[in-house]
């Protein structure tokens, strides 16, 4: 008997020419006579993403593989275990928030590759927002995802031993270290000299960020909250580049940064990245009426996200709370208050790090007019500092609207 050895029994980085053979060996998704086209479509910093299409039928699938180093720096080595974490959390999120995450067909521990549903008919939200598209159902759908995926994974609801087992399973030190450095440290003290500061704002950044010791203290407090509050199974990188969307539906994907951390981290990321879309629209839409209409929609959506989250959180808490002490009168209000404070703080941290840190956002970097880009960045940094320094005051969508309007008015 001849035993054939698969070449996929030992890890290597896939190329486009390898993917069809790989999928055909691992799954019976395509027919044997399929005719394939494969493209590498990843535009993130960490992984390799391939779309495999059977040109006979149009049927398609996605293969995502974790590399051993980032795509932006070969010196930044990462554990490929993040692929396991991502596949596992997508399965959990599919139970908590069905229909809002793509289906995972296979996770291969040897190749550190995940084979998953191709989110056909959807587009990356960041790109769509930069094209100034509106998504009227987004606030409702993202808040359903946030409440369900976050609250239901806490020990307010879960059996405490089961939750602790989950905490252990989702320990994610390499990617947490990236967040600890790039979100909570380097934007304030550029000790690794990796920040990307727009030169017209260099002095503004020095004064408002590098020299502000009171801001550093609050960032330090928040960093240790991030590292030590194993509250909820968070996505860990929930920006508009991690969302596929159309007018009717939203998919949340790419949760490789997942671990047990403060749930406000995810909510704050969504809020910050929505405001980047405001910055882009404000700087690039030439028609004044269209500009005002779209920018107002962004602010309305931010307000709606906060308010819908609060309403759904309270309902889900009452419906699902299991812990006897968590049922104590006044506890839910206190608990939600901590989440809202963390949300505002993270909205500020994400805003700053995406403006001056190592990983900037295209919403702002592609603004062609230098003076408009400089203004946008100053608004973002000013708003972000308000979020961080006054985080306990952000209790409703209206509080965000007021802060946004105040920051805009300064420039």
Protein backbone atom coordinates (compact mmCIF):
# COMPACT_ATOMS: atom_id res chain seq x y z
CA UNK A 1 0.00 0.00 0.00
CA UNK A 2 1.32 3.43 -0.96
CA UNK A 3 0.72 6.17 1.57
CA UNK A 4 0.78 9.60 0.01
CA UNK A 5 2.26 12.37 2.14
CA UNK A 6 0.49 15.67 2.08
CA UNK A 7 2.76 18.67 1.67
CA UNK A 8 0.47 20.50 4.10
CA UNK A 9 1.58 18.38 7.05
CA UNK A 10 4.24 20.95 7.91
CA UNK A 11 3.75 24.70 8.25
CA UNK A 12 4.77 27.04 5.44
CA UNK A 13 3.37 30.29 4.09
CA UNK A 14 0.82 29.65 1.39
CA UNK A 15 1.10 31.27 -2.02
CA UNK A 16 -1.80 31.81 -4.39
CA UNK A 17 -0.75 28.74 -6.39
CA UNK A 18 -1.05 26.54 -3.27
CA UNK A 19 -4.52 27.49 -2.12
CA UNK A 20 -6.71 25.47 -4.51
CA UNK A 21 -4.81 22.27 -3.79
CA UNK A 22 -4.97 23.01 -0.07
CA UNK A 23 -8.73 23.60 -0.01
CA UNK A 24 -9.47 20.58 -2.20
CA UNK A 25 -7.44 18.39 0.14
CA UNK A 26 -9.01 19.71 3.32
CA UNK A 27 -12.67 20.23 2.34
CA UNK A 28 -15.31 18.95 -0.05
CA UNK A 29 -16.57 22.48 -0.65
CA UNK A 30 -15.86 22.56 -4.40
CA UNK A 31 -16.47 19.85 -7.02
CA UNK A 32 -13.50 17.86 -8.26
CA UNK A 33 -13.65 19.51 -11.69
CA UNK A 34 -13.66 23.08 -10.34
CA UNK A 35 -11.64 25.64 -12.27
CA UNK A 36 -9.95 27.99 -9.86
CA UNK A 37 -8.83 31.58 -9.62
CA UNK A 38 -7.07 32.71 -6.47
CA UNK A 39 -6.10 36.20 -5.30
CA UNK A 40 -4.36 37.40 -2.17
CA UNK A 41 -6.69 40.11 -0.84
CA UNK A 42 -5.32 40.82 2.63
CA UNK A 43 -4.83 44.51 3.38
CA UNK A 44 -4.11 44.17 7.09
CA UNK A 45 -0.78 44.11 8.87
CA UNK A 46 -0.69 40.58 10.24
CA UNK A 47 -2.11 37.86 8.01
CA UNK A 48 -2.40 36.49 4.50
CA UNK A 49 -5.92 36.30 3.11
CA UNK A 50 -6.84 34.48 -0.09
CA UNK A 51 -10.09 34.37 -2.03
CA UNK A 52 -10.52 31.15 -4.01
CA UNK A 53 -13.20 31.17 -6.71
CA UNK A 54 -14.53 28.37 -8.86
CA UNK A 55 -14.98 30.19 -12.17
CA UNK A 56 -17.37 27.49 -13.40
CA UNK A 57 -19.93 28.28 -10.70
CA UNK A 58 -18.86 31.54 -9.08
CA UNK A 59 -18.73 29.78 -5.73
CA UNK A 60 -15.98 31.15 -3.47
CA UNK A 61 -14.26 30.67 -0.15
CA UNK A 62 -11.72 32.53 2.00
CA UNK A 63 -8.47 31.11 3.39
CA UNK A 64 -6.75 33.15 6.09
CA UNK A 65 -3.31 32.16 7.30
CA UNK A 66 -1.35 33.54 10.24
CA UNK A 67 2.24 34.43 9.43
CA UNK A 68 5.06 34.20 11.97
CA UNK A 69 5.89 37.91 11.59
CA UNK A 70 3.86 40.98 10.78
CA UNK A 71 3.63 42.19 7.20
CA UNK A 72 4.78 45.67 8.23
CA UNK A 73 7.93 44.55 10.04
CA UNK A 74 9.79 41.24 9.87
CA UNK A 75 11.22 42.08 13.27
CA UNK A 76 7.78 41.91 14.90
CA UNK A 77 7.39 38.18 15.52
CA UNK A 78 4.02 36.78 16.57
CA UNK A 79 2.65 33.50 17.78
CA UNK A 80 0.58 31.81 15.09
CA UNK A 81 -1.75 30.63 17.88
CA UNK A 82 -3.74 33.78 17.15
CA UNK A 83 -5.31 31.86 14.26
CA UNK A 84 -6.74 29.29 16.69
CA UNK A 85 -8.04 32.09 18.89
CA UNK A 86 -9.69 33.80 15.94
CA UNK A 87 -11.40 30.63 14.70
CA UNK A 88 -12.59 29.76 18.19
CA UNK A 89 -14.01 33.18 19.00
CA UNK A 90 -15.86 33.34 15.68
CA UNK A 91 -17.58 30.12 16.70
CA UNK A 92 -18.52 31.58 20.08
CA UNK A 93 -19.70 34.87 18.57
CA UNK A 94 -21.83 32.95 16.07
CA UNK A 95 -23.74 31.49 19.03
CA UNK A 96 -24.07 34.79 20.88
CA UNK A 97 -24.84 36.96 17.83
CA UNK A 98 -26.00 34.62 15.05
CA UNK A 99 -25.72 35.94 11.52
CA UNK A 100 -23.34 38.76 12.41
CA UNK A 101 -20.06 36.86 11.93
CA UNK A 102 -18.87 34.72 9.01
CA UNK A 103 -19.08 30.92 9.24
CA UNK A 104 -15.83 29.03 9.87
CA UNK A 105 -15.56 25.78 7.92
CA UNK A 106 -12.16 24.61 9.15
CA UNK A 107 -9.23 25.57 11.34
CA UNK A 108 -5.97 23.80 10.54
CA UNK A 109 -3.57 23.82 13.51
CA UNK A 110 -0.61 22.71 11.38
CA UNK A 111 -0.89 25.35 8.68
CA UNK A 112 -2.35 27.90 11.13
CA UNK A 113 -5.00 28.54 8.49
CA UNK A 114 -8.72 29.14 8.73
CA UNK A 115 -11.13 28.41 5.89
CA UNK A 116 -14.25 30.52 6.13
CA UNK A 117 -17.31 31.94 4.43
CA UNK A 118 -16.73 34.53 1.73
CA UNK A 119 -18.79 37.57 2.68
CA UNK A 120 -20.07 38.16 -0.85
CA UNK A 121 -22.12 41.28 -1.47
CA UNK A 122 -20.48 43.19 1.37
CA UNK A 123 -17.67 45.72 1.38
CA UNK A 124 -15.10 46.82 3.95
CA UNK A 125 -16.84 49.46 6.02
CA UNK A 126 -13.89 51.86 6.12
CA UNK A 127 -13.78 51.98 2.32
CA UNK A 128 -17.54 52.44 2.07
CA UNK A 129 -17.49 55.29 4.59
CA UNK A 130 -14.66 56.94 2.67
CA UNK A 131 -16.96 56.75 -0.35
CA UNK A 132 -19.50 58.51 1.86
CA UNK A 133 -22.07 55.73 1.88
CA UNK A 134 -24.70 55.59 4.62
CA UNK A 135 -25.76 52.46 6.48
CA UNK A 136 -29.04 53.07 8.31
CA UNK A 137 -29.12 49.66 10.02
CA UNK A 138 -25.54 49.70 11.28
CA UNK A 139 -26.16 51.22 14.72
CA UNK A 140 -28.83 48.64 15.46
CA UNK A 141 -26.81 45.68 14.20
CA UNK A 142 -23.47 46.61 15.78
CA UNK A 143 -25.07 47.21 19.17
CA UNK A 144 -26.78 43.82 19.04
CA UNK A 145 -23.39 42.28 18.35
CA UNK A 146 -21.66 44.27 21.10
CA UNK A 147 -24.20 43.56 23.82
CA UNK A 148 -24.55 39.87 23.01
CA UNK A 149 -20.89 39.03 22.41
CA UNK A 150 -19.66 41.07 25.38
CA UNK A 151 -22.21 40.73 28.17
CA UNK A 152 -23.00 37.06 27.58
CA UNK A 153 -19.30 36.16 27.91
CA UNK A 154 -18.94 37.74 31.38
CA UNK A 155 -19.27 35.98 34.71
CA UNK A 156 -22.33 38.09 35.39
CA UNK A 157 -23.98 35.56 33.09
CA UNK A 158 -21.59 32.61 32.70
CA UNK A 159 -20.76 29.92 35.21
CA UNK A 160 -17.66 31.28 36.92
CA UNK A 161 -15.54 28.18 36.37
CA UNK A 162 -16.49 28.02 32.70
CA UNK A 163 -15.61 31.68 32.31
CA UNK A 164 -12.19 31.13 33.93
CA UNK A 165 -11.58 28.24 31.54
CA UNK A 166 -12.35 30.61 28.67
CA UNK A 167 -9.96 33.22 30.07
CA UNK A 168 -7.20 30.62 30.02
CA UNK A 169 -8.04 29.50 26.48
CA UNK A 170 -7.94 33.04 25.12
CA UNK A 171 -4.71 34.24 26.68
CA UNK A 172 -3.17 36.13 23.74
CA UNK A 173 0.12 37.66 24.94
CA UNK A 174 1.71 38.61 21.60
CA UNK A 175 -1.24 40.54 20.27
CA UNK A 176 -2.06 42.04 23.66
CA UNK A 177 1.51 43.33 23.74
CA UNK A 178 0.92 45.09 20.43
CA UNK A 179 -2.12 46.85 21.90
CA UNK A 180 -0.29 47.65 25.14
CA UNK A 181 2.50 49.29 23.16
CA UNK A 182 0.70 50.87 20.20
CA UNK A 183 -2.49 51.99 21.97
CA UNK A 184 -1.56 52.64 25.58
CA UNK A 185 2.11 53.66 25.53
CA UNK A 186 3.88 54.83 22.37
CA UNK A 187 1.36 57.52 21.31
CA UNK A 188 2.16 59.33 24.57
CA UNK A 189 5.87 58.54 24.99
CA UNK A 190 7.51 57.68 21.68
CA UNK A 191 10.19 55.52 23.27
CA UNK A 192 10.41 53.09 20.35
CA UNK A 193 10.49 55.92 17.79
CA UNK A 194 7.79 54.28 15.68
CA UNK A 195 5.12 56.98 15.74
CA UNK A 196 3.96 58.52 12.46
CA UNK A 197 3.40 62.19 13.16
CA UNK A 198 2.16 64.44 10.35
CA UNK A 199 4.88 67.09 10.17
CA UNK A 200 2.55 70.16 10.18
CA UNK A 201 1.24 68.92 13.53
CA UNK A 202 4.57 68.00 15.11
CA UNK A 203 4.56 70.87 17.59
CA UNK A 204 0.86 70.37 18.37
CA UNK A 205 1.51 66.68 19.10
CA UNK A 206 4.49 67.47 21.29
CA UNK A 207 2.49 69.93 23.38
CA UNK A 208 -0.82 68.07 23.55
CA UNK A 209 0.45 64.50 23.85
CA UNK A 210 4.15 64.14 24.62
CA UNK A 211 4.32 66.95 27.20
CA UNK A 212 0.96 66.39 28.92
CA UNK A 213 1.87 64.55 32.12
CA UNK A 214 -1.70 64.49 33.40
CA UNK A 215 -2.73 62.69 30.20
CA UNK A 216 0.13 60.21 30.66
CA UNK A 217 -1.14 59.36 34.13
CA UNK A 218 -4.63 58.59 32.86
CA UNK A 219 -3.24 56.52 29.98
CA UNK A 220 -1.14 54.57 32.49
CA UNK A 221 -4.19 53.85 34.63
CA UNK A 222 -6.08 52.68 31.56
CA UNK A 223 -3.20 50.50 30.38
CA UNK A 224 -3.25 48.51 33.59
CA UNK A 225 -7.03 48.28 33.47
CA UNK A 226 -6.69 46.79 29.98
CA UNK A 227 -4.09 44.29 31.16
CA UNK A 228 -5.85 43.18 34.34
CA UNK A 229 -9.63 43.43 33.87
CA UNK A 230 -10.62 40.03 32.44
CA UNK A 231 -14.22 41.16 32.16
CA UNK A 232 -15.45 39.95 28.81
CA UNK A 233 -14.40 38.10 25.67
CA UNK A 234 -13.61 41.09 23.49
CA UNK A 235 -12.90 41.28 19.76
CA UNK A 236 -9.85 43.39 20.53
CA UNK A 237 -9.55 45.27 17.23
CA UNK A 238 -13.08 46.28 16.27
CA UNK A 239 -12.49 49.10 13.80
CA UNK A 240 -14.27 49.79 10.52
CA UNK A 241 -11.65 47.72 8.68
CA UNK A 242 -12.90 44.69 10.65
CA UNK A 243 -16.47 45.07 9.43
CA UNK A 244 -18.01 43.97 6.15
CA UNK A 245 -21.26 45.76 5.43
CA UNK A 246 -24.05 46.54 3.00
CA UNK A 247 -27.33 48.44 3.35
CA UNK A 248 -29.10 45.48 4.93
CA UNK A 249 -26.47 43.55 6.84
CA UNK A 250 -23.28 43.70 8.89
CA UNK A 251 -20.53 41.11 9.36
CA UNK A 252 -17.91 41.48 12.10
CA UNK A 253 -14.71 39.57 11.41
CA UNK A 254 -10.94 39.51 12.05
CA UNK A 255 -11.00 39.00 15.87
CA UNK A 256 -7.44 37.71 16.16
CA UNK A 257 -6.72 40.18 18.99
CA UNK A 258 -9.44 38.54 21.07
CA UNK A 259 -8.87 37.95 24.77
CA UNK A 260 -10.66 38.53 28.05
CA UNK A 261 -10.46 42.27 28.66
CA UNK A 262 -12.63 45.30 29.42
CA UNK A 263 -15.71 45.33 27.18
CA UNK A 264 -15.48 49.09 26.68
CA UNK A 265 -12.46 48.42 24.48
CA UNK A 266 -14.62 47.16 21.62
CA UNK A 267 -17.31 49.80 21.97
CA UNK A 268 -14.80 52.64 22.12
CA UNK A 269 -13.04 51.37 19.01
CA UNK A 270 -16.28 51.51 17.03
CA UNK A 271 -16.99 55.08 18.17
CA UNK A 272 -13.49 56.35 17.38
CA UNK A 273 -13.45 54.84 13.90
CA UNK A 274 -16.84 56.25 13.05
CA UNK A 275 -15.49 59.70 13.81
CA UNK A 276 -12.55 59.14 11.46
CA UNK A 277 -15.20 58.83 8.74
CA UNK A 278 -16.54 62.24 9.81
CA UNK A 279 -13.03 63.69 9.42
CA UNK A 280 -12.69 62.30 5.93
CA UNK A 281 -16.10 63.53 4.82
CA UNK A 282 -15.59 66.98 6.33
CA UNK A 283 -12.31 67.37 4.47
CA UNK A 284 -13.18 65.83 1.10
CA UNK A 285 -16.86 66.41 0.25
CA UNK A 286 -16.86 69.61 -1.77
CA UNK A 287 -20.59 70.35 -1.87
CA UNK A 288 -21.48 72.09 1.40
CA UNK A 289 -24.99 70.64 1.62
CA UNK A 290 -23.83 67.09 0.93
CA UNK A 291 -20.96 67.52 3.39
CA UNK A 292 -23.24 68.70 6.16
CA UNK A 293 -25.74 65.91 5.48
CA UNK A 294 -23.14 63.15 5.61
CA UNK A 295 -21.25 64.55 8.59
CA UNK A 296 -24.50 64.88 10.51
CA UNK A 297 -25.34 61.26 9.72
CA UNK A 298 -22.01 60.16 11.22
CA UNK A 299 -22.62 62.08 14.46
CA UNK A 300 -26.22 60.85 14.60
CA UNK A 301 -24.92 57.28 14.22
CA UNK A 302 -22.37 57.67 17.02
CA UNK A 303 -25.11 59.00 19.31
CA UNK A 304 -27.42 56.16 18.28
CA UNK A 305 -24.75 53.50 18.91
CA UNK A 306 -24.22 54.69 22.47
CA UNK A 307 -27.91 55.01 23.29
CA UNK A 308 -28.93 51.72 21.67
CA UNK A 309 -26.10 49.93 23.47
CA UNK A 310 -27.33 51.22 26.84
CA UNK A 311 -30.95 50.17 26.22
CA UNK A 312 -30.00 46.71 24.92
CA UNK A 313 -27.42 46.18 27.67
CA UNK A 314 -29.98 46.82 30.42
CA UNK A 315 -32.49 44.47 28.81
CA UNK A 316 -29.90 41.72 28.25
CA UNK A 317 -28.60 42.11 31.79
CA UNK A 318 -32.06 41.70 33.29
CA UNK A 319 -32.85 38.75 31.03
CA UNK A 320 -29.57 36.85 31.51
CA UNK A 321 -27.98 37.72 34.86
CA UNK A 322 -27.13 34.56 36.82
CA UNK A 323 -24.78 35.61 39.62
CA UNK A 324 -26.74 36.13 42.83
CA UNK A 325 -24.76 39.21 43.89
CA UNK A 326 -25.02 40.76 40.43
CA UNK A 327 -28.79 40.85 41.03
CA UNK A 328 -28.26 43.28 43.92
CA UNK A 329 -30.20 46.50 43.48
CA UNK A 330 -27.96 49.18 41.96
CA UNK A 331 -25.28 46.76 40.74
CA UNK A 332 -26.33 46.85 37.09
CA UNK A 333 -26.22 50.64 37.04
CA UNK A 334 -22.76 50.65 38.62
CA UNK A 335 -21.50 47.95 36.26
CA UNK A 336 -22.83 49.72 33.18
CA UNK A 337 -21.26 52.94 34.42
CA UNK A 338 -17.82 51.33 34.44
CA UNK A 339 -18.38 50.03 30.91
CA UNK A 340 -19.40 53.47 29.66
CA UNK A 341 -16.38 55.10 31.30
CA UNK A 342 -14.05 52.55 29.68
CA UNK A 343 -15.83 53.11 26.35
CA UNK A 344 -15.11 56.83 26.35
CA UNK A 345 -11.52 56.30 27.43
CA UNK A 346 -10.85 53.78 24.67
CA UNK A 347 -12.54 56.01 22.09
CA UNK A 348 -9.87 58.54 23.05
CA UNK A 349 -6.97 56.09 23.06
CA UNK A 350 -7.92 54.64 19.67
CA UNK A 351 -8.38 58.15 18.25
CA UNK A 352 -4.90 59.20 19.31
CA UNK A 353 -3.07 56.05 18.32
CA UNK A 354 -4.61 55.97 14.84
CA UNK A 355 -3.61 59.60 14.32
CA UNK A 356 -0.01 59.69 15.60
CA UNK A 357 0.88 56.05 16.25
CA UNK A 358 2.39 53.33 14.13
CA UNK A 359 -0.84 52.24 12.41
CA UNK A 360 -2.63 55.28 10.97
CA UNK A 361 -6.04 55.18 9.26
CA UNK A 362 -6.62 55.92 5.60
CA UNK A 363 -9.64 58.07 6.45
CA UNK A 364 -7.17 60.73 7.56
CA UNK A 365 -3.91 59.94 5.75
CA UNK A 366 -5.60 60.16 2.34
CA UNK A 367 -6.98 63.67 2.91
CA UNK A 368 -5.19 65.49 0.06
CA UNK A 369 -5.29 69.03 1.43
CA UNK A 370 -2.55 69.31 4.07
CA UNK A 371 -4.27 72.10 5.99
CA UNK A 372 -7.52 70.12 6.14
CA UNK A 373 -5.69 67.01 7.28
CA UNK A 374 -3.90 69.00 9.96
CA UNK A 375 -7.23 70.40 11.15
CA UNK A 376 -8.81 66.95 11.20
CA UNK A 377 -5.98 65.56 13.32
CA UNK A 378 -6.20 68.44 15.78
CA UNK A 379 -9.93 67.91 16.17
CA UNK A 380 -9.37 64.19 16.76
CA UNK A 381 -6.64 64.73 19.36
CA UNK A 382 -8.61 67.43 21.19
CA UNK A 383 -11.73 65.26 21.26
CA UNK A 384 -9.71 62.22 22.33
CA UNK A 385 -8.23 64.04 25.30
CA UNK A 386 -11.72 65.05 26.40
CA UNK A 387 -12.83 61.41 26.17
CA UNK A 388 -9.89 60.25 28.30
CA UNK A 389 -9.67 63.00 30.88
CA UNK A 390 -13.43 63.26 31.42
CA UNK A 391 -14.39 59.64 30.75
CA UNK A 392 -16.77 59.36 33.72
CA UNK A 393 -18.96 62.09 32.18
CA UNK A 394 -19.84 60.18 29.00
CA UNK A 395 -23.11 58.48 29.93
CA UNK A 396 -25.25 58.97 26.81
CA UNK A 397 -25.09 59.58 23.10
CA UNK A 398 -25.81 63.25 23.71
CA UNK A 399 -22.61 63.54 25.76
CA UNK A 400 -20.62 62.38 22.72
CA UNK A 401 -22.45 64.80 20.44
CA UNK A 402 -21.64 67.72 22.75
CA UNK A 403 -17.96 66.74 22.97
CA UNK A 404 -17.66 66.31 19.20
CA UNK A 405 -19.29 69.65 18.49
CA UNK A 406 -17.06 71.38 21.07
CA UNK A 407 -13.88 69.91 19.55
CA UNK A 408 -14.91 70.89 16.02
CA UNK A 409 -15.71 74.42 17.15
CA UNK A 410 -12.14 74.94 18.36
CA UNK A 411 -10.71 74.59 14.85
